[in-house]
Amino acid sequence: MFKTLIAINFILILVSLISGIFFLAKDGDQSTRVVVSLTLRVILSFSLVIMLIAGWYFGEITPHGL
């Protein structure tokens, strides 16, 4: 279950990045949708890092080679 949440978070980061690129190409300088999309990507990336640290700390995920 935890790995599924991490995968969903990663997919949402990619979708946000692609939408930011799309809005940048389509809207130009008139829209704030690019800023909102990239802000969401930063928040999702931060939450992914926190989830990975918490998963490692609580033993849900383990690094390879240990």
N, C-alpha and C. Protein backbone atom coordinates (compact mmCIF):
# COMPACT_ATOMS: atom_id res chain seq x y z
N MET A 1 0.82 -1.19 0.00
CA MET A 1 0.00 0.00 0.00
C MET A 1 0.87 1.26 0.00
N PHE A 2 1.92 1.26 0.77
CA PHE A 2 2.78 2.44 0.87
C PHE A 2 3.50 2.70 -0.44
N LYS A 3 3.96 1.65 -1.08
CA LYS A 3 4.65 1.81 -2.36
C LYS A 3 3.70 2.33 -3.43
N THR A 4 2.44 1.97 -3.33
CA THR A 4 1.43 2.48 -4.27
C THR A 4 1.25 3.98 -4.09
N LEU A 5 1.21 4.45 -2.85
CA LEU A 5 1.10 5.88 -2.59
C LEU A 5 2.30 6.64 -3.14
N ILE A 6 3.48 6.06 -3.01
CA ILE A 6 4.68 6.69 -3.55
C ILE A 6 4.60 6.76 -5.07
N ALA A 7 4.15 5.68 -5.70
CA ALA A 7 4.03 5.66 -7.16
C ALA A 7 2.99 6.68 -7.64
N ILE A 8 1.86 6.79 -6.95
CA ILE A 8 0.84 7.77 -7.32
C ILE A 8 1.38 9.19 -7.17
N ASN A 9 2.11 9.44 -6.10
CA ASN A 9 2.70 10.76 -5.89
C ASN A 9 3.69 11.08 -7.02
N PHE A 10 4.49 10.12 -7.41
CA PHE A 10 5.45 10.33 -8.49
C PHE A 10 4.73 10.62 -9.81
N ILE A 11 3.66 9.90 -10.08
CA ILE A 11 2.89 10.13 -11.31
C ILE A 11 2.27 11.53 -11.30
N LEU A 12 1.77 11.96 -10.15
CA LEU A 12 1.21 13.31 -10.04
C LEU A 12 2.28 14.38 -10.27
N ILE A 13 3.49 14.12 -9.83
CA ILE A 13 4.59 15.06 -10.08
C ILE A 13 4.84 15.16 -11.58
N LEU A 14 4.86 14.04 -12.28
CA LEU A 14 5.07 14.07 -13.73
C LEU A 14 3.93 14.77 -14.45
N VAL A 15 2.68 14.54 -14.04
CA VAL A 15 1.54 15.20 -14.65
C VAL A 15 1.62 16.71 -14.44
N SER A 16 1.99 17.13 -13.24
CA SER A 16 2.13 18.55 -12.96
C SER A 16 3.23 19.18 -13.80
N LEU A 17 4.33 18.47 -13.98
CA LEU A 17 5.42 18.99 -14.80
C LEU A 17 5.00 19.12 -16.26
N ILE A 18 4.31 18.12 -16.78
CA ILE A 18 3.86 18.16 -18.16
C ILE A 18 2.82 19.27 -18.36
N SER A 19 1.92 19.44 -17.40
CA SER A 19 0.93 20.51 -17.54
C SER A 19 1.59 21.88 -17.46
N GLY A 20 2.63 22.02 -16.64
CA GLY A 20 3.36 23.28 -16.59
C GLY A 20 4.02 23.60 -17.92
N ILE A 21 4.60 22.60 -18.56
CA ILE A 21 5.21 22.80 -19.88
C ILE A 21 4.14 23.17 -20.90
N PHE A 22 3.00 22.49 -20.84
CA PHE A 22 1.90 22.79 -21.76
C PHE A 22 1.39 24.22 -21.57
N PHE A 23 1.17 24.63 -20.33
CA PHE A 23 0.68 25.98 -20.06
C PHE A 23 1.70 27.03 -20.47
N LEU A 24 2.97 26.74 -20.30
CA LEU A 24 4.01 27.67 -20.70
C LEU A 24 4.00 27.88 -22.21
N ALA A 25 3.81 26.81 -22.95
CA ALA A 25 3.81 26.91 -24.41
C ALA A 25 2.51 27.55 -24.92
N LYS A 26 1.40 27.27 -24.25
CA LYS A 26 0.11 27.73 -24.74
C LYS A 26 -0.23 29.15 -24.28
N ASP A 27 -0.05 29.44 -23.00
CA ASP A 27 -0.54 30.70 -22.43
C ASP A 27 0.44 31.86 -22.57
N GLY A 28 1.71 31.58 -22.55
CA GLY A 28 2.69 32.67 -22.60
C GLY A 28 2.80 33.37 -21.26
N ASP A 29 2.84 34.70 -21.29
CA ASP A 29 3.07 35.48 -20.07
C ASP A 29 1.79 35.93 -19.39
N GLN A 30 0.63 35.65 -19.94
CA GLN A 30 -0.62 36.20 -19.43
C GLN A 30 -1.26 35.37 -18.32
N SER A 31 -0.82 34.17 -18.10
CA SER A 31 -1.51 33.28 -17.18
C SER A 31 -0.63 32.93 -15.98
N THR A 32 -1.29 32.67 -14.87
CA THR A 32 -0.58 32.22 -13.67
C THR A 32 -0.65 30.70 -13.53
N ARG A 33 -1.23 30.03 -14.53
CA ARG A 33 -1.37 28.57 -14.44
C ARG A 33 -0.02 27.87 -14.41
N VAL A 34 0.99 28.46 -15.04
CA VAL A 34 2.33 27.87 -15.01
C VAL A 34 2.88 27.90 -13.59
N VAL A 35 2.71 29.04 -12.93
CA VAL A 35 3.21 29.18 -11.56
C VAL A 35 2.48 28.22 -10.63
N VAL A 36 1.19 28.11 -10.77
CA VAL A 36 0.40 27.21 -9.92
C VAL A 36 0.82 25.76 -10.16
N SER A 37 1.01 25.39 -11.42
CA SER A 37 1.39 24.02 -11.76
C SER A 37 2.77 23.68 -11.19
N LEU A 38 3.71 24.58 -11.33
CA LEU A 38 5.06 24.30 -10.83
C LEU A 38 5.13 24.38 -9.30
N THR A 39 4.30 25.23 -8.70
CA THR A 39 4.22 25.26 -7.24
C THR A 39 3.67 23.93 -6.71
N LEU A 40 2.66 23.41 -7.38
CA LEU A 40 2.11 22.11 -7.00
C LEU A 40 3.17 21.02 -7.15
N ARG A 41 3.98 21.10 -8.20
CA ARG A 41 5.04 20.11 -8.40
C ARG A 41 6.06 20.15 -7.27
N VAL A 42 6.42 21.35 -6.83
CA VAL A 42 7.37 21.47 -5.72
C VAL A 42 6.78 20.90 -4.44
N ILE A 43 5.52 21.18 -4.18
CA ILE A 43 4.86 20.65 -2.98
C ILE A 43 4.79 19.13 -3.04
N LEU A 44 4.44 18.59 -4.21
CA LEU A 44 4.38 17.13 -4.35
C LEU A 44 5.76 16.49 -4.22
N SER A 45 6.79 17.15 -4.74
CA SER A 45 8.15 16.62 -4.61
C SER A 45 8.58 16.62 -3.15
N PHE A 46 8.26 17.68 -2.45
CA PHE A 46 8.59 17.74 -1.02
C PHE A 46 7.85 16.65 -0.26
N SER A 47 6.58 16.44 -0.59
CA SER A 47 5.83 15.39 0.11
C SER A 47 6.38 14.00 -0.23
N LEU A 48 6.88 13.81 -1.45
CA LEU A 48 7.49 12.54 -1.81
C LEU A 48 8.74 12.27 -0.97
N VAL A 49 9.56 13.29 -0.80
CA VAL A 49 10.77 13.13 0.02
C VAL A 49 10.38 12.79 1.46
N ILE A 50 9.39 13.48 1.99
CA ILE A 50 8.93 13.21 3.36
C ILE A 50 8.38 11.79 3.47
N MET A 51 7.61 11.36 2.46
CA MET A 51 7.07 10.00 2.47
C MET A 51 8.18 8.96 2.42
N LEU A 52 9.22 9.20 1.61
CA LEU A 52 10.32 8.25 1.53
C LEU A 52 11.09 8.16 2.85
N ILE A 53 11.32 9.30 3.46
CA ILE A 53 12.01 9.30 4.76
C ILE A 53 11.16 8.60 5.81
N ALA A 54 9.86 8.90 5.85
CA ALA A 54 8.97 8.26 6.83
C ALA A 54 8.87 6.76 6.56
N GLY A 55 8.80 6.36 5.31
CA GLY A 55 8.73 4.94 4.98
C GLY A 55 9.98 4.19 5.40
N TRP A 56 11.13 4.82 5.22
CA TRP A 56 12.38 4.20 5.66
C TRP A 56 12.44 4.13 7.19
N TYR A 57 12.03 5.21 7.85
CA TYR A 57 12.09 5.27 9.30
C TYR A 57 11.18 4.23 9.94
N PHE A 58 9.99 4.05 9.41
CA PHE A 58 9.03 3.10 9.99
C PHE A 58 9.17 1.69 9.43
N GLY A 59 10.13 1.47 8.54
CA GLY A 59 10.40 0.14 8.04
C GLY A 59 9.49 -0.32 6.91
N GLU A 60 8.75 0.58 6.31
CA GLU A 60 7.88 0.21 5.19
C GLU A 60 8.69 -0.06 3.92
N ILE A 61 9.78 0.66 3.75
CA ILE A 61 10.66 0.46 2.61
C ILE A 61 12.09 0.33 3.12
N THR A 62 12.91 -0.42 2.41
CA THR A 62 14.31 -0.57 2.80
C THR A 62 15.18 -0.33 1.57
N PRO A 63 16.33 0.28 1.76
CA PRO A 63 17.22 0.46 0.62
C PRO A 63 17.87 -0.87 0.22
N HIS A 64 18.25 -0.96 -1.04
CA HIS A 64 18.89 -2.18 -1.52
C HIS A 64 20.31 -2.28 -0.96
N GLY A 65 20.75 -3.46 -0.73
CA GLY A 65 22.12 -3.69 -0.30
C GLY A 65 22.34 -3.62 1.20
N LEU A 66 21.29 -3.45 1.98
CA LEU A 66 21.45 -3.42 3.43
C LEU A 66 20.91 -4.67 4.07
